[in-house]
Amino acid sequence: MLKDQILNLAKELHPELIEIRNEIHSNPELSFCEFETQKKVENYLQNRLGLVTQRMANTGVVALIEGKNPSRRVVGMRADMDALPIVEVNDGRSYRSKNEGVMHACGHDVHTTSLLGAATIINKFKNQFEGTIKLIFQPGEEKLPGGASLLIKDGILENPKVDYMIGQHVMPLFEAGKVGFKKGLYMASTDEIFITVKGKGGHGALPNTAIDSVLMASHLVVALQQIVSRNATPSIPTVLSFGKIIGNGATNVLPPEVKLEGTFRTVDEVWRDKAHNRIHEICKSVGEMFGGEIDCQINKGYPFLKNHEGLTQNLINNSTEYLGAENIIDLDIWMAAEDFSYYSQEVPSTFYRLGIRNEERGIVNSVHHPAFDIDEDALLTGAGLFAYLGIKALEGDIF
């Protein structure tokens, strides 16, 4: 039985997968600088599996595993490879980052390792399935414009044409061995907002002689919240948050300008554009009201992520078969963003969550945390289930 065969292969591979993950974790590289990681992936695919690799989007790696009748159906399986500019805690872990200030704090080392493991397993069954698995090791998920968008421009979804895309991402809220799915809308679009509030500097004791940029910025932050509370349709999830405000004055100095940085997220492209216009309008009106000026720049980021209903149901069914119904979790809409969304805008796609939590071992930290870590048993599911889902997606009628 295929399930049992893959389960056993994943167990055999597990010690090696832990070594691979630790090696990648120890040598993290920032977005679009994944040169050594690229070489590691190429070496594994070429020398271990005998696959032909291709470089795309500069630091990306692509390879094909062709079964019988390769053109029957093509399933793309994606893993991202980049790390974050975070200083990892020094708590004695042997695989701590050797690149100070750079850390795999979002699990991309797990994703890369899982896809290498899945590729090893899938390669053993290539004479038993029809179709092609396209392995996609992607750079730059953490940084705009997103490696997925660059790969698509380079033709990743063509030659051969991809019918379905599957991606997985670690989830610290779930115990290792569990996975989560959501059909339909799942993750938000994301835009970066950069605002400069320009007033007139002056003495804090003589505010009447200045144009108070701090007061102007304060009113602006409050005024912009009406976009969510009064302009957004209640049925469309929307978030507007500012995480950085700099007004470089002093206790008695009103600064000439204040800078703000924030994020806007939603799951509807029409409303997204309208909200951008509204942000600009409010900035202009608040500036005029105080006699100052407000410049606003919005960098449009990743689109929203939508999981294809039919493909996702297929993966849920097969995950239930592989792991058992008790290990399948229903997900809610998640207002974080992911550049896998670019694939979901082009072809039927599913992005699911891989549990990594182990409370007994203190493995509970969220992604982007300097003490982020995983229960290594997650690699069993990460590789084995990924392989099973890829092979099963080649079979039958998804729709």
Protein backbone atom coordinates (compact mmCIF):
# COMPACT_ATOMS: atom_id res chain seq x y z
CA MET A 1 0.00 0.00 0.00
CA LEU A 2 1.43 3.38 -1.04
CA LYS A 3 0.70 5.05 2.29
CA ASP A 4 2.57 2.41 4.28
CA GLN A 5 5.48 2.41 1.88
CA ILE A 6 5.87 6.18 2.14
CA LEU A 7 5.51 6.13 5.94
CA ASN A 8 8.34 3.61 6.15
CA LEU A 9 10.54 5.54 3.73
CA ALA A 10 9.99 8.75 5.71
CA LYS A 11 11.06 6.97 8.91
CA GLU A 12 14.20 5.65 7.20
CA LEU A 13 15.04 9.14 5.96
CA HIS A 14 14.29 10.89 9.25
CA PRO A 15 17.83 10.93 10.74
CA GLU A 16 19.20 12.29 7.47
CA LEU A 17 16.46 14.90 7.26
CA ILE A 18 17.34 16.14 10.74
CA GLU A 19 20.97 16.52 9.65
CA ILE A 20 19.96 18.38 6.48
CA ARG A 21 17.66 20.72 8.38
CA ASN A 22 20.30 21.46 11.00
CA GLU A 23 22.91 22.16 8.33
CA ILE A 24 20.61 24.59 6.53
CA HIS A 25 19.54 26.16 9.82
CA SER A 26 23.18 26.73 10.79
CA ASN A 27 23.92 28.49 7.52
CA PRO A 28 20.98 30.83 6.84
CA GLU A 29 21.00 33.30 3.97
CA LEU A 30 18.86 36.38 3.42
CA SER A 31 16.34 36.80 0.63
CA PHE A 32 17.81 36.62 -2.88
CA CYS A 33 21.24 35.75 -1.42
CA GLU A 34 20.64 31.99 -1.05
CA PHE A 35 23.78 31.05 -3.00
CA GLU A 36 25.14 28.36 -0.69
CA THR A 37 21.69 26.95 0.00
CA GLN A 38 21.16 26.75 -3.75
CA LYS A 39 24.37 24.73 -4.10
CA LYS A 40 23.32 22.35 -1.30
CA VAL A 41 19.96 21.74 -2.96
CA GLU A 42 21.52 21.25 -6.39
CA ASN A 43 24.10 18.84 -5.00
CA TYR A 44 21.42 16.73 -3.31
CA LEU A 45 19.12 16.61 -6.33
CA GLN A 46 21.92 15.88 -8.79
CA ASN A 47 24.17 13.51 -6.85
CA ARG A 48 21.68 11.82 -4.56
CA LEU A 49 18.69 11.57 -6.89
CA GLY A 50 20.26 11.86 -10.33
CA LEU A 51 17.98 14.72 -11.36
CA VAL A 52 18.72 17.49 -13.81
CA THR A 53 18.44 20.90 -12.16
CA GLN A 54 17.83 24.36 -13.54
CA ARG A 55 18.51 27.71 -11.93
CA MET A 56 15.73 30.27 -12.08
CA ALA A 57 15.23 33.71 -10.52
CA ASN A 58 18.99 33.77 -9.89
CA THR A 59 19.07 31.72 -6.66
CA GLY A 60 16.15 29.37 -7.26
CA VAL A 61 16.39 25.69 -8.20
CA VAL A 62 13.93 23.67 -10.27
CA ALA A 63 13.93 19.96 -11.14
CA LEU A 64 11.50 17.47 -12.65
CA ILE A 65 10.61 13.95 -11.58
CA GLU A 66 8.92 12.39 -14.58
CA GLY A 67 6.72 9.34 -14.29
CA LYS A 68 5.06 7.40 -17.06
CA ASN A 69 3.28 9.63 -19.58
CA PRO A 70 4.95 12.80 -18.15
CA SER A 71 2.62 15.23 -19.90
CA ARG A 72 -0.57 13.77 -18.43
CA ARG A 73 -0.51 16.15 -15.45
CA VAL A 74 2.10 18.35 -13.78
CA VAL A 75 2.04 19.11 -10.07
CA GLY A 76 4.32 21.85 -8.73
CA MET A 77 5.65 21.44 -5.19
CA ARG A 78 7.25 24.54 -3.67
CA ALA A 79 9.61 25.23 -0.78
CA ASP A 80 11.09 28.63 0.07
CA MET A 81 14.77 28.88 1.13
CA ASP A 82 15.46 32.35 2.55
CA ALA A 83 16.03 33.39 6.17
CA LEU A 84 15.38 36.55 8.20
CA PRO A 85 17.56 39.37 9.61
CA ILE A 86 17.16 38.17 13.23
CA VAL A 87 19.77 37.42 15.88
CA GLU A 88 19.16 33.86 17.10
CA VAL A 89 19.19 33.19 20.84
CA ASN A 90 22.32 31.53 22.17
CA ASP A 91 20.77 28.77 24.24
CA GLY A 92 23.25 26.00 23.49
CA ARG A 93 21.58 24.52 20.43
CA SER A 94 24.25 22.85 18.28
CA TYR A 95 22.67 24.06 15.07
CA ARG A 96 22.53 27.75 16.01
CA SER A 97 23.09 30.16 13.12
CA LYS A 98 26.73 30.69 12.18
CA ASN A 99 25.78 33.87 10.32
CA GLU A 100 25.25 36.33 13.16
CA GLY A 101 22.17 38.45 12.59
CA VAL A 102 20.62 36.01 10.13
CA MET A 103 18.28 33.22 11.24
CA HIS A 104 15.86 30.65 9.88
CA ALA A 105 13.10 31.94 12.13
CA CYS A 106 10.22 31.20 9.76
CA GLY A 107 10.82 27.52 9.07
CA HIS A 108 12.07 27.81 5.52
CA ASP A 109 14.85 25.39 6.45
CA VAL A 110 12.07 22.93 7.30
CA HIS A 111 10.29 23.58 4.01
CA THR A 112 13.46 23.02 1.98
CA THR A 113 14.35 19.86 3.90
CA SER A 114 10.81 18.51 3.59
CA LEU A 115 10.78 18.99 -0.17
CA LEU A 116 14.19 17.30 -0.51
CA GLY A 117 12.82 14.39 1.52
CA ALA A 118 9.60 14.31 -0.50
CA ALA A 119 11.64 14.33 -3.72
CA THR A 120 13.67 11.34 -2.47
CA ILE A 121 10.49 9.41 -1.77
CA ILE A 122 8.68 10.42 -4.97
CA ASN A 123 11.70 9.49 -7.05
CA LYS A 124 11.39 5.88 -5.86
CA PHE A 125 7.86 5.66 -7.29
CA LYS A 126 8.40 7.39 -10.65
CA ASN A 127 7.80 4.16 -12.54
CA GLN A 128 4.45 3.70 -10.79
CA PHE A 129 2.68 7.02 -11.44
CA GLU A 130 1.70 9.01 -14.52
CA GLY A 131 2.61 12.66 -14.82
CA THR A 132 5.37 14.93 -13.60
CA ILE A 133 6.31 16.45 -10.26
CA LYS A 134 7.99 19.85 -10.61
CA LEU A 135 10.20 20.57 -7.60
CA ILE A 136 10.47 24.31 -6.93
CA PHE A 137 13.03 25.61 -4.43
CA GLN A 138 12.20 29.29 -4.28
CA PRO A 139 14.24 32.30 -3.16
CA GLY A 140 13.08 35.48 -1.49
CA GLU A 141 9.69 34.81 0.06
CA GLU A 142 10.40 37.28 2.86
CA LYS A 143 11.16 40.29 0.69
CA LEU A 144 9.25 42.22 -1.96
CA PRO A 145 8.66 41.65 -4.81
CA GLY A 146 8.70 38.00 -3.68
CA GLY A 147 10.57 35.16 -5.31
CA ALA A 148 7.33 33.59 -6.52
CA SER A 149 6.59 36.59 -8.73
CA LEU A 150 10.09 36.43 -10.21
CA LEU A 151 9.83 32.70 -10.87
CA ILE A 152 6.50 33.20 -12.62
CA LYS A 153 8.06 35.89 -14.82
CA ASP A 154 10.87 33.45 -15.60
CA GLY A 155 8.30 30.86 -16.72
CA ILE A 156 8.12 28.50 -13.75
CA LEU A 157 4.51 27.60 -14.56
CA GLU A 158 5.40 26.64 -18.14
CA ASN A 159 7.60 24.06 -19.88
CA PRO A 160 6.03 21.86 -18.69
CA LYS A 161 2.82 23.72 -17.86
CA VAL A 162 1.88 23.33 -14.20
CA ASP A 163 -1.67 22.12 -13.54
CA TYR A 164 -1.63 22.38 -9.72
CA MET A 165 0.60 23.95 -7.08
CA ILE A 166 1.09 22.68 -3.53
CA GLY A 167 2.98 24.41 -0.72
CA GLN A 168 3.33 23.86 3.01
CA HIS A 169 4.38 26.14 5.86
CA VAL A 170 5.22 25.48 9.49
CA MET A 171 2.60 26.32 12.12
CA PRO A 172 3.85 26.73 15.72
CA LEU A 173 0.30 26.55 17.11
CA PHE A 174 -0.08 22.87 16.09
CA GLU A 175 1.66 19.86 17.56
CA ALA A 176 4.05 18.00 15.26
CA GLY A 177 2.14 15.38 13.30
CA LYS A 178 -0.87 17.63 12.68
CA VAL A 179 -1.65 19.67 9.56
CA GLY A 180 -4.19 22.38 8.77
CA PHE A 181 -6.23 23.24 5.69
CA LYS A 182 -8.69 25.89 4.60
CA LYS A 183 -10.64 25.90 1.35
CA GLY A 184 -11.16 29.25 -0.38
CA LEU A 185 -9.78 32.55 0.92
CA TYR A 186 -6.98 31.92 3.37
CA MET A 187 -4.31 34.66 3.55
CA ALA A 188 -4.32 38.41 3.04
CA SER A 189 -2.72 40.72 0.55
CA THR A 190 -0.03 42.92 2.06
CA ASP A 191 1.04 46.49 1.32
CA GLU A 192 3.72 48.61 2.94
CA ILE A 193 2.85 52.20 3.86
CA PHE A 194 5.48 54.93 4.28
CA ILE A 195 4.27 58.36 5.43
CA THR A 196 6.18 61.58 6.06
CA VAL A 197 4.30 64.21 8.06
CA LYS A 198 5.81 67.64 7.39
CA GLY A 199 5.18 70.52 9.75
CA LYS A 200 7.29 73.37 11.07
CA GLY A 201 9.70 72.74 13.91
CA GLY A 202 9.74 74.90 17.00
CA HIS A 203 10.00 75.24 20.77
CA GLY A 204 7.68 73.03 22.79
CA ALA A 205 6.75 76.04 24.91
CA LEU A 206 5.70 78.04 21.85
CA PRO A 207 3.51 75.65 19.82
CA ASN A 208 1.68 78.61 18.29
CA THR A 209 4.84 79.46 16.32
CA ALA A 210 5.21 75.95 14.91
CA ILE A 211 3.19 73.45 12.92
CA ASP A 212 3.18 70.46 15.23
CA SER A 213 4.07 67.39 13.16
CA VAL A 214 3.63 65.10 16.18
CA LEU A 215 0.07 66.28 16.76
CA MET A 216 -0.61 66.00 13.05
CA ALA A 217 0.74 62.43 12.98
CA SER A 218 -1.37 61.52 16.02
CA HIS A 219 -4.56 62.74 14.35
CA LEU A 220 -3.57 60.94 11.16
CA VAL A 221 -3.17 57.55 12.84
CA VAL A 222 -6.59 57.89 14.47
CA ALA A 223 -8.24 59.20 11.29
CA LEU A 224 -6.88 56.36 9.18
CA GLN A 225 -8.56 53.79 11.42
CA GLN A 226 -11.93 54.78 9.93
CA ILE A 227 -10.84 52.93 6.79
CA VAL A 228 -11.30 49.68 8.69
CA SER A 229 -14.14 50.69 11.02
CA ARG A 230 -16.25 52.82 8.66
CA ASN A 231 -15.15 52.31 5.05
CA ALA A 232 -14.49 48.57 4.80
CA THR A 233 -17.41 46.24 4.17
CA PRO A 234 -17.75 44.26 7.43
CA SER A 235 -17.66 40.95 5.54
CA ILE A 236 -14.21 41.72 4.07
CA PRO A 237 -11.41 41.15 6.60
CA THR A 238 -9.21 44.27 6.71
CA VAL A 239 -6.25 45.31 8.84
CA LEU A 240 -4.40 48.64 8.97
CA SER A 241 -1.56 48.83 11.48
CA PHE A 242 1.33 51.20 12.10
CA GLY A 243 4.36 49.68 13.77
CA LYS A 244 6.87 52.50 13.46
CA ILE A 245 6.60 56.20 14.30
CA ILE A 246 9.67 58.43 14.49
CA GLY A 247 9.46 62.06 15.57
CA ASN A 248 13.02 63.03 16.37
CA GLY A 249 12.37 65.95 18.68
CA ALA A 250 12.89 66.30 22.42
CA THR A 251 10.89 67.11 25.55
CA ASN A 252 10.88 70.76 24.52
CA VAL A 253 11.48 70.45 20.78
CA LEU A 254 8.74 70.01 18.18
CA PRO A 255 10.33 68.19 15.23
CA PRO A 256 9.77 69.49 11.68
CA GLU A 257 8.61 66.06 10.51
CA VAL A 258 7.44 62.67 11.69
CA LYS A 259 7.80 59.41 9.78
CA LEU A 260 5.34 56.54 10.01
CA GLU A 261 5.50 53.00 8.61
CA GLY A 262 2.67 50.53 8.53
CA THR A 263 0.89 47.75 6.73
CA PHE A 264 -2.47 47.36 5.02
CA ARG A 265 -3.98 43.91 4.50
CA THR A 266 -7.22 42.58 3.05
CA VAL A 267 -8.63 39.74 0.94
CA ASP A 268 -10.39 41.64 -1.85
CA GLU A 269 -8.49 43.29 -4.71
CA VAL A 270 -11.21 45.84 -5.63
CA TRP A 271 -11.51 47.02 -2.02
CA ARG A 272 -7.70 47.02 -1.76
CA ASP A 273 -7.41 49.64 -4.52
CA LYS A 274 -10.24 51.74 -3.06
CA ALA A 275 -8.60 51.67 0.37
CA HIS A 276 -5.30 52.86 -1.09
CA ASN A 277 -7.08 55.86 -2.58
CA ARG A 278 -8.81 56.55 0.72
CA ILE A 279 -5.49 56.48 2.60
CA HIS A 280 -4.09 59.09 0.23
CA GLU A 281 -7.22 61.26 0.60
CA ILE A 282 -7.08 61.21 4.39
CA CYS A 283 -3.37 62.05 4.42
CA LYS A 284 -4.01 65.04 2.17
CA SER A 285 -6.97 66.34 4.20
CA VAL A 286 -5.25 65.97 7.59
CA GLY A 287 -2.19 67.78 6.27
CA GLU A 288 -4.31 70.65 4.98
CA MET A 289 -6.30 70.83 8.22
CA PHE A 290 -3.14 71.51 10.25
CA GLY A 291 -1.45 73.71 7.66
CA GLY A 292 1.23 71.14 6.98
CA GLU A 293 1.86 68.52 4.32
CA ILE A 294 1.71 64.73 4.37
CA ASP A 295 3.45 62.57 1.79
CA CYS A 296 2.23 58.98 1.50
CA GLN A 297 3.83 56.14 -0.42
CA ILE A 298 2.15 52.73 -0.64
CA ASN A 299 4.24 49.84 -1.92
CA LYS A 300 1.89 47.21 -3.24
CA GLY A 301 2.93 43.77 -2.09
CA TYR A 302 1.64 40.21 -2.37
CA PRO A 303 -1.96 39.54 -3.46
CA PHE A 304 -4.39 37.54 -1.33
CA LEU A 305 -4.04 33.76 -1.23
CA LYS A 306 -6.96 31.60 -2.25
CA ASN A 307 -6.90 27.83 -1.90
CA HIS A 308 -8.65 26.01 -4.73
CA GLU A 309 -11.75 24.24 -3.42
CA GLY A 310 -11.37 21.00 -5.38
CA LEU A 311 -7.63 20.60 -4.97
CA THR A 312 -7.79 21.42 -1.27
CA GLN A 313 -10.54 18.87 -0.69
CA ASN A 314 -8.43 16.30 -2.51
CA LEU A 315 -5.48 17.06 -0.24
CA ILE A 316 -7.67 16.97 2.87
CA ASN A 317 -9.01 13.55 1.88
CA ASN A 318 -5.54 12.18 1.23
CA SER A 319 -4.09 13.76 4.38
CA THR A 320 -6.87 12.13 6.37
CA GLU A 321 -5.97 8.80 4.81
CA TYR A 322 -2.26 9.30 5.55
CA LEU A 323 -2.42 10.83 9.07
CA GLY A 324 -5.89 10.07 10.38
CA ALA A 325 -8.82 12.46 10.80
CA GLU A 326 -7.74 13.41 14.34
CA ASN A 327 -4.61 15.08 12.91
CA ILE A 328 -6.39 17.31 10.38
CA ILE A 329 -7.26 20.83 11.57
CA ASP A 330 -9.63 23.35 9.99
CA LEU A 331 -7.95 26.73 9.57
CA ASP A 332 -9.43 30.22 9.82
CA ILE A 333 -8.53 33.16 7.59
CA TRP A 334 -4.99 34.26 8.45
CA MET A 335 -4.19 37.96 7.95
CA ALA A 336 -0.50 37.33 7.43
CA ALA A 337 0.71 37.23 3.83
CA GLU A 338 2.69 34.81 1.66
CA ASP A 339 4.05 35.12 -1.85
CA PHE A 340 2.68 31.63 -2.61
CA SER A 341 -0.39 33.75 -3.34
CA TYR A 342 1.10 34.61 -6.74
CA TYR A 343 0.83 30.94 -7.74
CA SER A 344 -2.73 30.78 -6.43
CA GLN A 345 -3.67 33.67 -8.73
CA GLU A 346 -2.43 31.72 -11.77
CA VAL A 347 -3.22 28.00 -11.27
CA PRO A 348 -5.31 25.90 -8.85
CA SER A 349 -3.22 25.89 -5.67
CA THR A 350 -3.28 24.82 -2.04
CA PHE A 351 -1.16 26.14 0.80
CA TYR A 352 -1.44 24.13 4.02
CA ARG A 353 0.08 24.23 7.52
CA LEU A 354 2.54 21.81 9.12
CA GLY A 355 2.53 21.42 12.89
CA ILE A 356 5.91 21.78 14.65
CA ARG A 357 4.96 22.41 18.31
CA ASN A 358 6.11 20.39 21.33
CA GLU A 359 5.12 21.97 24.65
CA GLU A 360 6.98 19.39 26.76
CA ARG A 361 10.24 20.44 25.10
CA GLY A 362 9.38 24.15 25.25
CA ILE A 363 9.03 24.42 21.48
CA VAL A 364 6.23 26.97 21.50
CA ASN A 365 7.61 30.17 19.99
CA SER A 366 6.04 31.82 16.99
CA VAL A 367 7.71 32.34 13.65
CA HIS A 368 10.03 35.39 13.50
CA HIS A 369 10.94 34.85 17.17
CA PRO A 370 14.67 34.68 18.01
CA ALA A 371 14.12 31.41 19.89
CA PHE A 372 11.98 29.79 17.18
CA ASP A 373 12.57 26.04 16.84
CA ILE A 374 10.79 22.86 15.77
CA ASP A 375 10.03 19.37 16.97
CA GLU A 376 12.11 17.33 14.52
CA ASP A 377 9.28 14.80 14.25
CA ALA A 378 7.59 17.42 12.05
CA LEU A 379 10.07 16.45 9.33
CA LEU A 380 8.48 13.00 9.17
CA THR A 381 5.17 14.60 8.24
CA GLY A 382 6.79 17.37 6.25
CA ALA A 383 8.50 14.94 3.88
CA GLY A 384 6.19 11.93 3.95
CA LEU A 385 2.84 13.68 3.65
CA PHE A 386 4.21 16.12 1.06
CA ALA A 387 5.31 13.17 -1.08
CA TYR A 388 2.00 11.38 -0.65
CA LEU A 389 -0.02 14.46 -1.56
CA GLY A 390 2.11 15.15 -4.65
CA ILE A 391 1.70 11.62 -5.99
CA LYS A 392 -2.02 11.46 -5.21
CA ALA A 393 -2.61 14.84 -6.87
CA LEU A 394 -1.41 13.28 -10.11
CA GLU A 395 -4.24 10.77 -9.95
CA GLY A 396 -7.92 11.12 -10.77
CA ASP A 397 -10.05 14.21 -11.30
CA ILE A 398 -9.44 17.02 -8.79
CA PHE A 399 -12.58 18.88 -9.77
